[in-house]
C-alpha atoms as a PDB file:
ATOM      1  CA  UNK A   1       0.270  -0.174   0.147  1.00  0.00           C
ATOM      2  CA  UNK A   2       1.450   3.770  -0.355  1.00  0.00           C
ATOM      3  CA  UNK A   3       0.258   6.520   0.799  1.00  0.00           C
ATOM      4  CA  UNK A   4      -0.508   9.413  -1.238  1.00  0.00           C
ATOM      5  CA  UNK A   5       0.882  12.555  -0.448  1.00  0.00           C
ATOM      6  CA  UNK A   6      -2.051  14.695  -1.287  1.00  0.00           C
ATOM      7  CA  UNK A   7      -4.397  13.342   1.651  1.00  0.00           C
ATOM      8  CA  UNK A   8      -3.386  10.972   2.842  1.00  0.00           C
ATOM      9  CA  UNK A   9      -5.689   8.451   1.339  1.00  0.00           C
ATOM     10  CA  UNK A  10      -4.156   5.018   1.137  1.00  0.00           C
ATOM     11  CA  UNK A  11      -4.419   3.447  -2.209  1.00  0.00           C
ATOM     12  CA  UNK A  12      -3.149   0.141  -3.505  1.00  0.00           C
ATOM     13  CA  UNK A  13       0.179   0.912  -5.827  1.00  0.00           C
ATOM     14  CA  UNK A  14       2.369  -0.813  -8.046  1.00  0.00           C
ATOM     15  CA  UNK A  15       4.035  -0.153 -11.468  1.00  0.00           C
ATOM     16  CA  UNK A  16       2.217  -3.502 -12.978  1.00  0.00           C
ATOM     17  CA  UNK A  17      -1.409  -2.802 -11.448  1.00  0.00           C
ATOM     18  CA  UNK A  18      -3.323  -5.898 -11.832  1.00  0.00           C
ATOM     19  CA  UNK A  19      -6.344  -3.288 -12.393  1.00  0.00           C
ATOM     20  CA  UNK A  20      -4.938  -2.389 -16.060  1.00  0.00           C
ATOM     21  CA  UNK A  21      -2.086  -4.248 -17.094  1.00  0.00           C
ATOM     22  CA  UNK A  22      -3.311  -3.302 -21.104  1.00  0.00           C
ATOM     23  CA  UNK A  23      -2.873   0.682 -19.815  1.00  0.00           C
ATOM     24  CA  UNK A  24       0.561  -0.174 -18.399  1.00  0.00           C
ATOM     25  CA  UNK A  25       1.604  -2.146 -21.548  1.00  0.00           C
ATOM     26  CA  UNK A  26       0.253   0.637 -24.102  1.00  0.00           C
ATOM     27  CA  UNK A  27       1.829   3.242 -22.034  1.00  0.00           C
ATOM     28  CA  UNK A  28       5.126   1.266 -22.421  1.00  0.00           C
ATOM     29  CA  UNK A  29       4.707   0.880 -25.832  1.00  0.00           C
ATOM     30  CA  UNK A  30       4.147   4.724 -26.060  1.00  0.00           C
ATOM     31  CA  UNK A  31       7.290   5.557 -24.295  1.00  0.00           C
ATOM     32  CA  UNK A  32       5.793   6.853 -21.173  1.00  0.00           C
ATOM     33  CA  UNK A  33       7.530   3.982 -18.683  1.00  0.00           C
ATOM     34  CA  UNK A  34       7.767   6.323 -15.462  1.00  0.00           C
ATOM     35  CA  UNK A  35       4.104   6.704 -14.972  1.00  0.00           C
ATOM     36  CA  UNK A  36       2.623   4.354 -11.664  1.00  0.00           C
ATOM     37  CA  UNK A  37      -0.716   3.014 -12.349  1.00  0.00           C
ATOM     38  CA  UNK A  38      -3.157   3.308  -9.547  1.00  0.00           C
ATOM     39  CA  UNK A  39      -6.144   0.730  -8.204  1.00  0.00           C
ATOM     40  CA  UNK A  40      -7.685   2.096  -5.341  1.00  0.00           C
ATOM     41  CA  UNK A  41     -10.155  -0.173  -3.224  1.00  0.00           C
ATOM     42  CA  UNK A  42     -13.109   1.984  -3.343  1.00  0.00           C
ATOM     43  CA  UNK A  43     -14.861   2.932  -6.620  1.00  0.00           C
ATOM     44  CA  UNK A  44     -13.849   6.019  -8.449  1.00  0.00           C
ATOM     45  CA  UNK A  45     -16.701   5.857 -11.141  1.00  0.00           C
ATOM     46  CA  UNK A  46     -16.914   9.394 -11.321  1.00  0.00           C
ATOM     47  CA  UNK A  47     -14.296  12.319 -11.842  1.00  0.00           C
ATOM     48  CA  UNK A  48     -15.487  13.564  -8.408  1.00  0.00           C
ATOM     49  CA  UNK A  49     -15.038  10.607  -6.968  1.00  0.00           C
ATOM     50  CA  UNK A  50     -11.348  10.450  -8.175  1.00  0.00           C
ATOM     51  CA  UNK A  51     -10.379  13.759  -7.350  1.00  0.00           C
ATOM     52  CA  UNK A  52     -11.772  13.176  -3.487  1.00  0.00           C
ATOM     53  CA  UNK A  53      -9.674   9.475  -3.552  1.00  0.00           C
ATOM     54  CA  UNK A  54      -6.360  11.126  -4.394  1.00  0.00           C
ATOM     55  CA  UNK A  55      -7.106  14.598  -2.724  1.00  0.00           C
ATOM     56  CA  UNK A  56      -6.607  16.722  -5.887  1.00  0.00           C
ATOM     57  CA  UNK A  57      -8.431  19.309  -7.518  1.00  0.00           C
ATOM     58  CA  UNK A  58     -11.126  18.221  -9.848  1.00  0.00           C
ATOM     59  CA  UNK A  59      -9.404  19.885 -12.783  1.00  0.00           C
ATOM     60  CA  UNK A  60      -6.055  17.710 -11.846  1.00  0.00           C
ATOM     61  CA  UNK A  61      -8.399  14.467 -12.736  1.00  0.00           C
ATOM     62  CA  UNK A  62      -8.360  13.098 -16.497  1.00  0.00           C
ATOM     63  CA  UNK A  63     -11.508  11.355 -17.241  1.00  0.00           C
ATOM     64  CA  UNK A  64     -12.342   9.083 -20.186  1.00  0.00           C
ATOM     65  CA  UNK A  65     -15.198   9.208 -22.508  1.00  0.00           C
ATOM     66  CA  UNK A  66     -16.420   7.276 -25.224  1.00  0.00           C
ATOM     67  CA  UNK A  67     -18.287   8.824 -28.466  1.00  0.00           C
ATOM     68  CA  UNK A  68     -19.292   7.513 -31.585  1.00  0.00           C
ATOM     69  CA  UNK A  69     -17.642   9.606 -34.685  1.00  0.00           C
ATOM     70  CA  UNK A  70     -19.442   8.547 -37.722  1.00  0.00           C
ATOM     71  CA  UNK A  71     -20.022   5.091 -36.229  1.00  0.00           C
ATOM     72  CA  UNK A  72     -16.524   4.508 -34.926  1.00  0.00           C
ATOM     73  CA  UNK A  73     -15.750   4.231 -31.199  1.00  0.00           C
ATOM     74  CA  UNK A  74     -13.395   7.062 -30.127  1.00  0.00           C
ATOM     75  CA  UNK A  75     -12.013   7.855 -26.617  1.00  0.00           C
ATOM     76  CA  UNK A  76     -11.676  11.274 -25.683  1.00  0.00           C
ATOM     77  CA  UNK A  77      -9.360  12.687 -22.502  1.00  0.00           C
ATOM     78  CA  UNK A  78     -10.926  15.350 -20.578  1.00  0.00           C
ATOM     79  CA  UNK A  79     -10.133  17.075 -17.690  1.00  0.00           C
ATOM     80  CA  UNK A  80     -12.390  16.475 -14.948  1.00  0.00           C
ATOM     81  CA  UNK A  81     -13.823  19.960 -14.372  1.00  0.00           C
ATOM     82  CA  UNK A  82     -14.710  20.241 -18.171  1.00  0.00           C
ATOM     83  CA  UNK A  83     -17.620  19.328 -20.582  1.00  0.00           C
ATOM     84  CA  UNK A  84     -16.775  17.534 -23.800  1.00  0.00           C
ATOM     85  CA  UNK A  85     -17.473  20.373 -26.699  1.00  0.00           C
ATOM     86  CA  UNK A  86     -18.702  17.306 -29.258  1.00  0.00           C
ATOM     87  CA  UNK A  87     -18.909  19.630 -32.042  1.00  0.00           C
ATOM     88  CA  UNK A  88     -15.151  20.787 -31.720  1.00  0.00           C
ATOM     89  CA  UNK A  89     -14.697  16.703 -31.213  1.00  0.00           C
ATOM     90  CA  UNK A  90     -16.616  16.520 -34.561  1.00  0.00           C
ATOM     91  CA  UNK A  91     -14.487  19.260 -36.075  1.00  0.00           C
ATOM     92  CA  UNK A  92     -11.429  17.909 -35.143  1.00  0.00           C
ATOM     93  CA  UNK A  93     -12.182  14.307 -36.383  1.00  0.00           C
ATOM     94  CA  UNK A  94     -13.742  15.660 -39.976  1.00  0.00           C
ATOM     95  CA  UNK A  95     -16.764  13.529 -38.788  1.00  0.00           C
ATOM     96  CA  UNK A  96     -20.321  14.153 -40.108  1.00  0.00           C
ATOM     97  CA  UNK A  97     -21.779  13.101 -36.487  1.00  0.00           C
ATOM     98  CA  UNK A  98     -20.189  12.546 -33.083  1.00  0.00           C
ATOM     99  CA  UNK A  99     -22.362  11.600 -30.282  1.00  0.00           C
ATOM    100  CA  UNK A 100     -22.372   8.965 -27.155  1.00  0.00           C
ATOM    101  CA  UNK A 101     -22.540   5.587 -28.239  1.00  0.00           C
ATOM    102  CA  UNK A 102     -25.988   3.225 -28.016  1.00  0.00           C
ATOM    103  CA  UNK A 103     -26.080   0.931 -25.560  1.00  0.00           C
ATOM    104  CA  UNK A 104     -25.514  -2.805 -26.199  1.00  0.00           C
END
């Protein structure tokens, strides 16, 4: 267990987190090997919960949101305090339509 500096929150922490081994491997493949992936014992399903768990500002959290651009899944990373500008995403991707995917 590692102790976070910001709020004294205890979290399970290993360089090879069993929670996200594919994410850790993808970081390595991108040449980002000095990042520590952490798995917290309590759920952090929202940016607000994640910020509270690590004791940081909401804007310091990165949230991941899935959208569809012309039917293709797209991962959008956004700071926790902001909302995604769907029109900007559409323009950046040169897509005709961008929106939240339909549930399976």
